[in-house]
Amino acid sequence: MRPVLLVPGIYNSGPRHWQSLWQTQHTGVVRVEQADWAHPQCDAWVQAIDAAITAAGQPPIVVAHSLGCLALARWAASALTAVHALLLVAVPDPDGPDFPPDAKGFTPVPAALTAPGQPARQAMLVSSSDDPYSTASFSAHCAAAWGAQQVDLGAKGHINADSGLGDWPEGWAWVQRWRAA
């Protein structure tokens, strides 16, 4: 079974977050652990992502949320390691007014999800029309620049535990389709 790696955002994903629910409900789902969830350093997060992808044994599906998306994008922009697909959920704008001041090194946002000369990576960017950490235009810009399919869920906030998604069956269905491919 193809592995699924979860890359949470700042402060990690709590027990009611869909990422945590996926990890407890499904086999082959592993969280990328970070040394410091409260004071993230982009380079350290990228190294943890790289180590987890390398350890996966086969090209994984990588599912990132919030700040984890920016770290995953930074990894993808320079890594040569294969992944099966990337699901980027609620990508925050690091230049936005509510971006966490404790998050360091997450700018500039990578212009692509592939290293120069490498083939495009299969990617989907999921956004919300009322995300307090992003805007519709920022999400659309990232999706276009990264060659990612964009799905807007409508008014779902930051697409987290407070969004009323529970274990977010729609998101898990996308992962399952990629696992079957």
N, C-alpha and C. Protein backbone atom coordinates (compact mmCIF):
# COMPACT_ATOMS: atom_id res chain seq x y z
N MET A 1 0.85 -1.18 0.00
CA MET A 1 0.00 0.00 0.00
C MET A 1 0.89 1.24 0.00
N ARG A 2 0.54 2.17 -0.87
CA ARG A 2 1.33 3.39 -0.99
C ARG A 2 1.26 4.19 0.31
N PRO A 3 2.40 4.63 0.86
CA PRO A 3 2.39 5.40 2.10
C PRO A 3 1.83 6.81 1.91
N VAL A 4 1.25 7.32 2.98
CA VAL A 4 0.74 8.69 3.03
C VAL A 4 1.48 9.40 4.14
N LEU A 5 2.13 10.51 3.81
CA LEU A 5 2.84 11.31 4.81
C LEU A 5 2.05 12.58 5.07
N LEU A 6 1.85 12.89 6.34
CA LEU A 6 1.14 14.09 6.76
C LEU A 6 2.14 15.13 7.22
N VAL A 7 1.99 16.35 6.73
CA VAL A 7 2.87 17.45 7.12
C VAL A 7 1.98 18.54 7.73
N PRO A 8 1.80 18.53 9.05
CA PRO A 8 0.97 19.55 9.70
C PRO A 8 1.62 20.93 9.67
N GLY A 9 0.84 21.91 10.06
CA GLY A 9 1.34 23.28 10.15
C GLY A 9 1.85 23.60 11.55
N ILE A 10 2.02 24.88 11.80
CA ILE A 10 2.53 25.35 13.09
C ILE A 10 1.67 24.79 14.23
N TYR A 11 2.29 24.44 15.31
CA TYR A 11 1.68 23.87 16.53
C TYR A 11 1.17 22.45 16.33
N ASN A 12 1.42 21.83 15.16
CA ASN A 12 0.99 20.46 14.89
C ASN A 12 -0.53 20.42 14.71
N SER A 13 -1.07 19.29 14.39
CA SER A 13 -2.51 19.12 14.24
C SER A 13 -3.05 18.42 15.47
N GLY A 14 -4.03 19.03 16.12
CA GLY A 14 -4.61 18.47 17.34
C GLY A 14 -5.46 17.23 17.06
N PRO A 15 -5.98 16.60 18.10
CA PRO A 15 -6.68 15.31 17.96
C PRO A 15 -7.97 15.37 17.14
N ARG A 16 -8.59 16.54 17.01
CA ARG A 16 -9.83 16.65 16.22
C ARG A 16 -9.58 17.09 14.78
N HIS A 17 -8.34 17.37 14.44
CA HIS A 17 -7.98 17.80 13.08
C HIS A 17 -8.08 16.60 12.15
N TRP A 18 -8.51 16.82 10.92
CA TRP A 18 -8.66 15.73 9.96
C TRP A 18 -7.35 14.97 9.73
N GLN A 19 -6.20 15.64 9.80
CA GLN A 19 -4.93 14.92 9.64
C GLN A 19 -4.76 13.89 10.76
N SER A 20 -5.03 14.28 11.98
CA SER A 20 -4.89 13.35 13.11
C SER A 20 -5.90 12.21 12.99
N LEU A 21 -7.10 12.53 12.56
CA LEU A 21 -8.13 11.49 12.39
C LEU A 21 -7.72 10.51 11.29
N TRP A 22 -7.17 11.00 10.20
CA TRP A 22 -6.69 10.10 9.16
C TRP A 22 -5.61 9.18 9.70
N GLN A 23 -4.71 9.72 10.49
CA GLN A 23 -3.61 8.92 11.02
C GLN A 23 -4.12 7.81 11.92
N THR A 24 -5.15 8.08 12.71
CA THR A 24 -5.66 7.05 13.62
C THR A 24 -6.61 6.07 12.94
N GLN A 25 -7.25 6.49 11.86
CA GLN A 25 -8.27 5.65 11.22
C GLN A 25 -7.76 4.80 10.06
N HIS A 26 -6.62 5.13 9.49
CA HIS A 26 -6.18 4.47 8.26
C HIS A 26 -4.75 3.94 8.41
N THR A 27 -4.49 2.83 7.75
CA THR A 27 -3.15 2.24 7.78
C THR A 27 -2.24 2.94 6.78
N GLY A 28 -0.96 2.90 7.07
CA GLY A 28 0.03 3.47 6.16
C GLY A 28 0.08 4.98 6.15
N VAL A 29 -0.48 5.63 7.18
CA VAL A 29 -0.49 7.09 7.27
C VAL A 29 0.45 7.50 8.40
N VAL A 30 1.46 8.29 8.07
CA VAL A 30 2.51 8.65 9.03
C VAL A 30 2.66 10.17 9.06
N ARG A 31 2.78 10.71 10.25
CA ARG A 31 2.99 12.14 10.43
C ARG A 31 4.49 12.45 10.37
N VAL A 32 4.85 13.48 9.63
CA VAL A 32 6.22 13.97 9.64
C VAL A 32 6.38 14.79 10.92
N GLU A 33 7.25 14.33 11.80
CA GLU A 33 7.46 15.01 13.08
C GLU A 33 8.49 16.12 12.92
N GLN A 34 8.23 17.23 13.58
CA GLN A 34 9.14 18.36 13.56
C GLN A 34 9.75 18.55 14.95
N ALA A 35 10.98 19.01 15.01
CA ALA A 35 11.65 19.22 16.29
C ALA A 35 11.01 20.34 17.09
N ASP A 36 10.50 21.36 16.41
CA ASP A 36 9.90 22.50 17.11
C ASP A 36 8.65 22.95 16.36
N TRP A 37 7.51 22.57 16.90
CA TRP A 37 6.23 22.92 16.28
C TRP A 37 5.85 24.38 16.54
N ALA A 38 6.32 24.96 17.62
CA ALA A 38 5.89 26.30 18.02
C ALA A 38 6.75 27.42 17.43
N HIS A 39 7.99 27.11 17.09
CA HIS A 39 8.91 28.11 16.53
C HIS A 39 9.56 27.53 15.28
N PRO A 40 8.77 27.33 14.23
CA PRO A 40 9.27 26.61 13.05
C PRO A 40 10.34 27.37 12.28
N GLN A 41 11.33 26.62 11.88
CA GLN A 41 12.38 27.10 11.00
C GLN A 41 12.24 26.33 9.69
N CYS A 42 12.04 27.01 8.60
CA CYS A 42 11.74 26.36 7.34
C CYS A 42 12.78 25.30 6.96
N ASP A 43 14.06 25.62 7.07
CA ASP A 43 15.09 24.66 6.66
C ASP A 43 15.00 23.37 7.47
N ALA A 44 14.76 23.47 8.76
CA ALA A 44 14.63 22.27 9.60
C ALA A 44 13.40 21.46 9.20
N TRP A 45 12.30 22.15 8.91
CA TRP A 45 11.09 21.44 8.49
C TRP A 45 11.31 20.73 7.16
N VAL A 46 12.00 21.39 6.23
CA VAL A 46 12.28 20.78 4.93
C VAL A 46 13.15 19.54 5.11
N GLN A 47 14.13 19.59 5.99
CA GLN A 47 14.98 18.43 6.24
C GLN A 47 14.17 17.27 6.80
N ALA A 48 13.22 17.55 7.70
CA ALA A 48 12.38 16.49 8.25
C ALA A 48 11.49 15.88 7.17
N ILE A 49 10.95 16.71 6.29
CA ILE A 49 10.14 16.22 5.17
C ILE A 49 10.99 15.33 4.27
N ASP A 50 12.19 15.78 3.94
CA ASP A 50 13.07 15.00 3.07
C ASP A 50 13.40 13.65 3.69
N ALA A 51 13.70 13.64 4.97
CA ALA A 51 14.03 12.37 5.65
C ALA A 51 12.83 11.42 5.63
N ALA A 52 11.64 11.94 5.86
CA ALA A 52 10.44 11.09 5.87
C ALA A 52 10.14 10.53 4.48
N ILE A 53 10.29 11.35 3.46
CA ILE A 53 10.04 10.89 2.09
C ILE A 53 11.07 9.83 1.70
N THR A 54 12.32 10.05 2.05
CA THR A 54 13.36 9.08 1.77
C THR A 54 13.10 7.77 2.49
N ALA A 55 12.63 7.83 3.72
CA ALA A 55 12.36 6.63 4.52
C ALA A 55 11.09 5.90 4.10
N ALA A 56 10.26 6.50 3.28
CA ALA A 56 8.96 5.92 2.93
C ALA A 56 9.08 4.61 2.15
N GLY A 57 10.19 4.41 1.46
CA GLY A 57 10.37 3.15 0.75
C GLY A 57 9.83 3.14 -0.67
N GLN A 58 8.85 3.95 -0.96
CA GLN A 58 8.32 4.13 -2.31
C GLN A 58 7.76 5.55 -2.39
N PRO A 59 7.55 6.07 -3.58
CA PRO A 59 7.05 7.44 -3.68
C PRO A 59 5.72 7.60 -2.94
N PRO A 60 5.70 8.43 -1.90
CA PRO A 60 4.49 8.58 -1.10
C PRO A 60 3.55 9.65 -1.64
N ILE A 61 2.36 9.66 -1.09
CA ILE A 61 1.44 10.77 -1.23
C ILE A 61 1.71 11.66 -0.03
N VAL A 62 1.98 12.93 -0.26
CA VAL A 62 2.30 13.84 0.84
C VAL A 62 1.17 14.84 0.97
N VAL A 63 0.60 14.90 2.18
CA VAL A 63 -0.56 15.75 2.46
C VAL A 63 -0.14 16.81 3.48
N ALA A 64 -0.08 18.05 3.04
CA ALA A 64 0.37 19.14 3.92
C ALA A 64 -0.79 20.07 4.23
N HIS A 65 -0.73 20.64 5.43
CA HIS A 65 -1.72 21.63 5.85
C HIS A 65 -1.00 22.90 6.30
N SER A 66 -1.53 24.04 5.89
CA SER A 66 -1.10 25.34 6.37
C SER A 66 0.40 25.54 6.19
N LEU A 67 1.10 25.88 7.25
CA LEU A 67 2.53 26.15 7.15
C LEU A 67 3.29 24.96 6.58
N GLY A 68 2.79 23.76 6.83
CA GLY A 68 3.41 22.57 6.24
C GLY A 68 3.44 22.63 4.73
N CYS A 69 2.46 23.31 4.11
CA CYS A 69 2.43 23.47 2.65
C CYS A 69 3.63 24.27 2.16
N LEU A 70 3.97 25.33 2.88
CA LEU A 70 5.10 26.16 2.46
C LEU A 70 6.41 25.39 2.59
N ALA A 71 6.54 24.60 3.64
CA ALA A 71 7.75 23.77 3.80
C ALA A 71 7.80 22.70 2.71
N LEU A 72 6.65 22.08 2.42
CA LEU A 72 6.61 21.06 1.38
C LEU A 72 6.92 21.67 0.01
N ALA A 73 6.40 22.84 -0.26
CA ALA A 73 6.69 23.51 -1.53
C ALA A 73 8.18 23.82 -1.65
N ARG A 74 8.79 24.25 -0.56
CA ARG A 74 10.24 24.52 -0.57
C ARG A 74 11.00 23.23 -0.85
N TRP A 75 10.58 22.13 -0.21
CA TRP A 75 11.22 20.83 -0.48
C TRP A 75 11.07 20.47 -1.96
N ALA A 76 9.84 20.55 -2.47
CA ALA A 76 9.54 20.12 -3.84
C ALA A 76 10.30 20.94 -4.88
N ALA A 77 10.56 22.20 -4.58
CA ALA A 77 11.22 23.08 -5.55
C ALA A 77 12.69 22.73 -5.77
N SER A 78 13.26 21.93 -4.88
CA SER A 78 14.68 21.61 -5.04
C SER A 78 14.99 20.12 -4.99
N ALA A 79 14.05 19.30 -4.56
CA ALA A 79 14.33 17.87 -4.38
C ALA A 79 14.22 17.10 -5.69
N LEU A 80 15.03 16.07 -5.80
CA LEU A 80 14.98 15.19 -6.96
C LEU A 80 14.25 13.89 -6.63
N THR A 81 13.92 13.68 -5.37
CA THR A 81 13.25 12.47 -4.91
C THR A 81 11.81 12.45 -5.43
N ALA A 82 11.37 11.27 -5.88
CA ALA A 82 10.02 11.14 -6.43
C ALA A 82 8.97 11.07 -5.32
N VAL A 83 7.84 11.68 -5.58
CA VAL A 83 6.64 11.50 -4.77
C VAL A 83 5.51 11.15 -5.74
N HIS A 84 4.48 10.47 -5.23
CA HIS A 84 3.37 10.09 -6.10
C HIS A 84 2.43 11.27 -6.33
N ALA A 85 2.14 12.02 -5.29
CA ALA A 85 1.24 13.18 -5.40
C ALA A 85 1.40 14.07 -4.18
N LEU A 86 1.04 15.33 -4.36
CA LEU A 86 1.07 16.32 -3.28
C LEU A 86 -0.33 16.90 -3.11
N LEU A 87 -0.81 16.91 -1.88
CA LEU A 87 -2.08 17.55 -1.55
C LEU A 87 -1.76 18.68 -0.59
N LEU A 88 -1.95 19.92 -1.03
CA LEU A 88 -1.61 21.10 -0.25
C LEU A 88 -2.90 21.78 0.17
N VAL A 89 -3.15 21.82 1.47
CA VAL A 89 -4.43 22.28 1.99
C VAL A 89 -4.24 23.55 2.81
N ALA A 90 -4.96 24.61 2.45
CA ALA A 90 -4.94 25.88 3.19
C ALA A 90 -3.54 26.50 3.22
N VAL A 91 -3.00 26.74 2.04
CA VAL A 91 -1.66 27.35 1.92
C VAL A 91 -1.74 28.79 2.45
N PRO A 92 -0.97 29.12 3.49
CA PRO A 92 -1.02 30.48 4.03
C PRO A 92 -0.14 31.44 3.25
N ASP A 93 -0.51 32.69 3.27
CA ASP A 93 0.28 33.74 2.63
C ASP A 93 1.31 34.25 3.63
N PRO A 94 2.61 33.97 3.42
CA PRO A 94 3.61 34.39 4.39
C PRO A 94 3.78 35.90 4.49
N ASP A 95 3.21 36.63 3.53
CA ASP A 95 3.25 38.09 3.59
C ASP A 95 1.93 38.67 4.09
N GLY A 96 1.01 37.79 4.48
CA GLY A 96 -0.29 38.23 4.97
C GLY A 96 -0.21 38.78 6.39
N PRO A 97 -1.20 39.57 6.79
CA PRO A 97 -1.16 40.22 8.10
C PRO A 97 -1.25 39.27 9.29
N ASP A 98 -1.79 38.07 9.10
CA ASP A 98 -1.96 37.15 10.22
C ASP A 98 -0.95 36.00 10.21
N PHE A 99 0.06 36.09 9.34
CA PHE A 99 1.07 35.03 9.31
C PHE A 99 1.81 35.00 10.64
N PRO A 100 2.02 33.81 11.23
CA PRO A 100 2.65 33.73 12.55
C PRO A 100 4.06 34.31 12.59
N PRO A 101 4.32 35.24 13.47
CA PRO A 101 5.65 35.85 13.54
C PRO A 101 6.74 34.87 13.98
N ASP A 102 6.35 33.76 14.62
CA ASP A 102 7.34 32.77 15.05
C ASP A 102 7.84 31.89 13.91
N ALA A 103 7.17 31.92 12.77
CA ALA A 103 7.58 31.11 11.62
C ALA A 103 8.67 31.84 10.85
N LYS A 104 9.83 31.23 10.73
CA LYS A 104 10.99 31.89 10.12
C LYS A 104 11.45 31.17 8.86
N GLY A 105 11.77 31.95 7.84
CA GLY A 105 12.39 31.42 6.64
C GLY A 105 11.43 30.85 5.61
N PHE A 106 10.16 31.18 5.70
CA PHE A 106 9.18 30.60 4.77
C PHE A 106 8.92 31.48 3.55
N THR A 107 9.68 32.56 3.40
CA THR A 107 9.59 33.38 2.20
C THR A 107 10.95 33.33 1.50
N PRO A 108 10.99 33.51 0.21
CA PRO A 108 9.85 33.69 -0.67
C PRO A 108 9.15 32.36 -0.94
N VAL A 109 7.92 32.44 -1.40
CA VAL A 109 7.17 31.24 -1.79
C VAL A 109 7.80 30.70 -3.07
N PRO A 110 8.10 29.40 -3.13
CA PRO A 110 8.71 28.85 -4.34
C PRO A 110 7.85 29.09 -5.58
N ALA A 111 8.51 29.33 -6.70
CA ALA A 111 7.82 29.59 -7.96
C ALA A 111 7.32 28.32 -8.63
N ALA A 112 7.83 27.16 -8.21
CA ALA A 112 7.44 25.89 -8.82
C ALA A 112 7.52 24.77 -7.78
N LEU A 113 6.86 23.66 -8.08
CA LEU A 113 6.92 22.49 -7.20
C LEU A 113 7.88 21.44 -7.73
N THR A 114 8.76 21.84 -8.62
CA THR A 114 9.75 20.92 -9.17
C THR A 114 11.10 21.59 -9.23
N ALA A 115 12.13 20.78 -9.12
CA ALA A 115 13.48 21.28 -9.31
C ALA A 115 13.67 21.56 -10.80
N PRO A 116 14.55 22.48 -11.15
CA PRO A 116 14.78 22.78 -12.57
C PRO A 116 15.12 21.51 -13.36
N GLY A 117 14.45 21.38 -14.51
CA GLY A 117 14.71 20.23 -15.38
C GLY A 117 13.96 18.97 -15.02
N GLN A 118 13.20 18.98 -13.95
CA GLN A 118 12.46 17.80 -13.51
C GLN A 118 11.02 17.86 -14.02
N PRO A 119 10.38 16.69 -14.19
CA PRO A 119 8.98 16.70 -14.64
C PRO A 119 8.05 17.25 -13.56
N ALA A 120 6.90 17.72 -14.00
CA ALA A 120 5.91 18.27 -13.06
C ALA A 120 5.47 17.21 -12.07
N ARG A 121 5.17 17.65 -10.86
CA ARG A 121 4.65 16.76 -9.83
C ARG A 121 3.12 16.84 -9.83
N GLN A 122 2.45 15.70 -9.64
CA GLN A 122 1.00 15.67 -9.53
C GLN A 122 0.61 16.38 -8.23
N ALA A 123 -0.20 17.42 -8.33
CA ALA A 123 -0.51 18.20 -7.13
C ALA A 123 -1.92 18.76 -7.19
N MET A 124 -2.50 18.89 -6.00
CA MET A 124 -3.80 19.53 -5.82
C MET A 124 -3.67 20.52 -4.68
N LEU A 125 -4.20 21.72 -4.87
CA LEU A 125 -4.22 22.74 -3.84
C LEU A 125 -5.68 22.96 -3.44
N VAL A 126 -5.97 22.79 -2.16
CA VAL A 126 -7.33 22.95 -1.65
C VAL A 126 -7.38 24.23 -0.82
N SER A 127 -8.33 25.09 -1.15
CA SER A 127 -8.44 26.38 -0.47
C SER A 127 -9.86 26.60 0.03
N SER A 128 -10.00 27.68 0.79
CA SER A 128 -11.28 28.09 1.35
C SER A 128 -11.49 29.56 1.02
N SER A 129 -12.73 29.94 0.80
CA SER A 129 -13.01 31.33 0.44
C SER A 129 -12.88 32.30 1.60
N ASP A 130 -12.82 31.78 2.83
CA ASP A 130 -12.71 32.67 4.00
C ASP A 130 -11.57 32.27 4.94
N ASP A 131 -10.48 31.80 4.35
CA ASP A 131 -9.31 31.41 5.15
C ASP A 131 -8.68 32.67 5.74
N PRO A 132 -8.55 32.75 7.07
CA PRO A 132 -7.97 33.95 7.68
C PRO A 132 -6.48 34.13 7.40
N TYR A 133 -5.82 33.09 6.90
CA TYR A 133 -4.38 33.16 6.66
C TYR A 133 -4.03 33.25 5.17
N SER A 134 -5.05 33.37 4.32
CA SER A 134 -4.80 33.42 2.89
C SER A 134 -5.92 34.20 2.21
N THR A 135 -5.79 34.35 0.92
CA THR A 135 -6.83 34.99 0.11
C THR A 135 -7.09 34.11 -1.11
N ALA A 136 -8.23 34.33 -1.73
CA ALA A 136 -8.55 33.58 -2.95
C ALA A 136 -7.50 33.85 -4.03
N SER A 137 -7.05 35.09 -4.14
CA SER A 137 -6.07 35.42 -5.18
C SER A 137 -4.71 34.77 -4.89
N PHE A 138 -4.29 34.73 -3.63
CA PHE A 138 -3.03 34.07 -3.30
C PHE A 138 -3.11 32.58 -3.61
N SER A 139 -4.20 31.94 -3.22
CA SER A 139 -4.38 30.50 -3.49
C SER A 139 -4.36 30.23 -4.99
N ALA A 140 -5.07 31.05 -5.76
CA ALA A 140 -5.12 30.87 -7.21
C ALA A 140 -3.73 31.07 -7.82
N HIS A 141 -3.00 32.06 -7.32
CA HIS A 141 -1.64 32.31 -7.81
C HIS A 141 -0.75 31.09 -7.56
N CYS A 142 -0.78 30.56 -6.34
CA CYS A 142 0.04 29.38 -6.01
C CYS A 142 -0.33 28.19 -6.88
N ALA A 143 -1.63 27.92 -7.02
CA ALA A 143 -2.07 26.78 -7.83
C ALA A 143 -1.57 26.92 -9.26
N ALA A 144 -1.71 28.10 -9.84
CA ALA A 144 -1.27 28.31 -11.22
C ALA A 144 0.25 28.17 -11.35
N ALA A 145 0.98 28.81 -10.45
CA ALA A 145 2.44 28.76 -10.51
C ALA A 145 2.96 27.34 -10.31
N TRP A 146 2.31 26.59 -9.44
CA TRP A 146 2.76 25.25 -9.11
C TRP A 146 2.19 24.17 -10.03
N GLY A 147 1.33 24.54 -10.96
CA GLY A 147 0.73 23.55 -11.85
C GLY A 147 -0.19 22.60 -11.11
N ALA A 148 -0.81 23.09 -10.05
CA ALA A 148 -1.68 22.25 -9.22
C ALA A 148 -3.14 22.48 -9.57
N GLN A 149 -3.90 21.41 -9.55
CA GLN A 149 -5.35 21.54 -9.67
C GLN A 149 -5.83 22.26 -8.41
N GLN A 150 -6.71 23.24 -8.56
CA GLN A 150 -7.23 23.95 -7.39
C GLN A 150 -8.67 23.57 -7.13
N VAL A 151 -8.97 23.29 -5.86
CA VAL A 151 -10.33 23.03 -5.41
C VAL A 151 -10.63 24.01 -4.29
N ASP A 152 -11.68 24.80 -4.46
CA ASP A 152 -12.12 25.75 -3.43
C ASP A 152 -13.31 25.13 -2.72
N LEU A 153 -13.19 24.92 -1.42
CA LEU A 153 -14.26 24.29 -0.63
C LEU A 153 -15.36 25.26 -0.22
N GLY A 154 -15.22 26.53 -0.58
CA GLY A 154 -16.19 27.52 -0.12
C GLY A 154 -15.77 28.02 1.26
N ALA A 155 -16.72 28.44 2.05
CA ALA A 155 -16.43 29.03 3.36
C ALA A 155 -16.15 27.94 4.40
N LYS A 156 -14.89 27.53 4.49
CA LYS A 156 -14.47 26.50 5.45
C LYS A 156 -13.32 26.98 6.33
N GLY A 157 -13.14 28.30 6.44
CA GLY A 157 -12.09 28.82 7.31
C GLY A 157 -10.73 28.31 6.89
N HIS A 158 -9.95 27.88 7.88
CA HIS A 158 -8.58 27.42 7.62
C HIS A 158 -8.52 25.92 7.34
N ILE A 159 -9.65 25.32 7.06
CA ILE A 159 -9.75 23.89 6.72
C ILE A 159 -9.06 23.05 7.80
N ASN A 160 -9.50 23.27 9.01
CA ASN A 160 -8.91 22.59 10.17
C ASN A 160 -10.02 22.02 11.05
N ALA A 161 -9.72 21.74 12.29
CA ALA A 161 -10.70 21.15 13.21
C ALA A 161 -11.90 22.06 13.44
N ASP A 162 -11.72 23.36 13.30
CA ASP A 162 -12.83 24.30 13.51
C ASP A 162 -13.72 24.45 12.28
N SER A 163 -13.40 23.77 11.20
CA SER A 163 -14.14 23.93 9.94
C SER A 163 -15.34 23.00 9.81
N GLY A 164 -15.53 22.12 10.79
CA GLY A 164 -16.68 21.21 10.75
C GLY A 164 -16.54 20.09 9.74
N LEU A 165 -15.32 19.72 9.40
CA LEU A 165 -15.09 18.68 8.40
C LEU A 165 -14.99 17.28 9.00
N GLY A 166 -14.82 17.18 10.31
CA GLY A 166 -14.61 15.86 10.91
C GLY A 166 -13.37 15.23 10.32
N ASP A 167 -13.51 13.98 9.86
CA ASP A 167 -12.36 13.31 9.25
C ASP A 167 -12.25 13.60 7.74
N TRP A 168 -12.98 14.56 7.26
CA TRP A 168 -12.93 15.09 5.91
C TRP A 168 -12.90 13.99 4.86
N PRO A 169 -14.04 13.30 4.68
CA PRO A 169 -14.12 12.20 3.72
C PRO A 169 -13.76 12.60 2.28
N GLU A 170 -14.11 13.81 1.87
CA GLU A 170 -13.80 14.25 0.51
C GLU A 170 -12.28 14.27 0.28
N GLY A 171 -11.54 14.79 1.24
CA GLY A 171 -10.09 14.81 1.12
C GLY A 171 -9.50 13.41 1.10
N TRP A 172 -10.02 12.54 1.97
CA TRP A 172 -9.51 11.17 2.02
C TRP A 172 -9.82 10.44 0.71
N ALA A 173 -10.95 10.75 0.07
CA ALA A 173 -11.28 10.13 -1.21
C ALA A 173 -10.24 10.48 -2.27
N TRP A 174 -9.75 11.72 -2.27
CA TRP A 174 -8.69 12.09 -3.22
C TRP A 174 -7.44 11.25 -2.95
N VAL A 175 -7.08 11.10 -1.68
CA VAL A 175 -5.91 10.29 -1.33
C VAL A 175 -6.11 8.86 -1.80
N GLN A 176 -7.29 8.31 -1.59
CA GLN A 176 -7.57 6.92 -1.99
C GLN A 176 -7.46 6.75 -3.51
N ARG A 177 -7.92 7.72 -4.28
CA ARG A 177 -7.79 7.63 -5.74
C ARG A 177 -6.32 7.60 -6.14
N TRP A 178 -5.51 8.43 -5.49
CA TRP A 178 -4.08 8.41 -5.79
C TRP A 178 -3.44 7.11 -5.35
N ARG A 179 -3.87 6.58 -4.22
CA ARG A 179 -3.32 5.31 -3.76
C ARG A 179 -3.62 4.18 -4.74
N ALA A 180 -4.77 4.24 -5.37
CA ALA A 180 -5.18 3.19 -6.31
C ALA A 180 -4.49 3.32 -7.67
N ALA A 181 -3.96 4.48 -7.96
CA ALA A 181 -3.36 4.72 -9.29
C ALA A 181 -1.96 4.14 -9.38
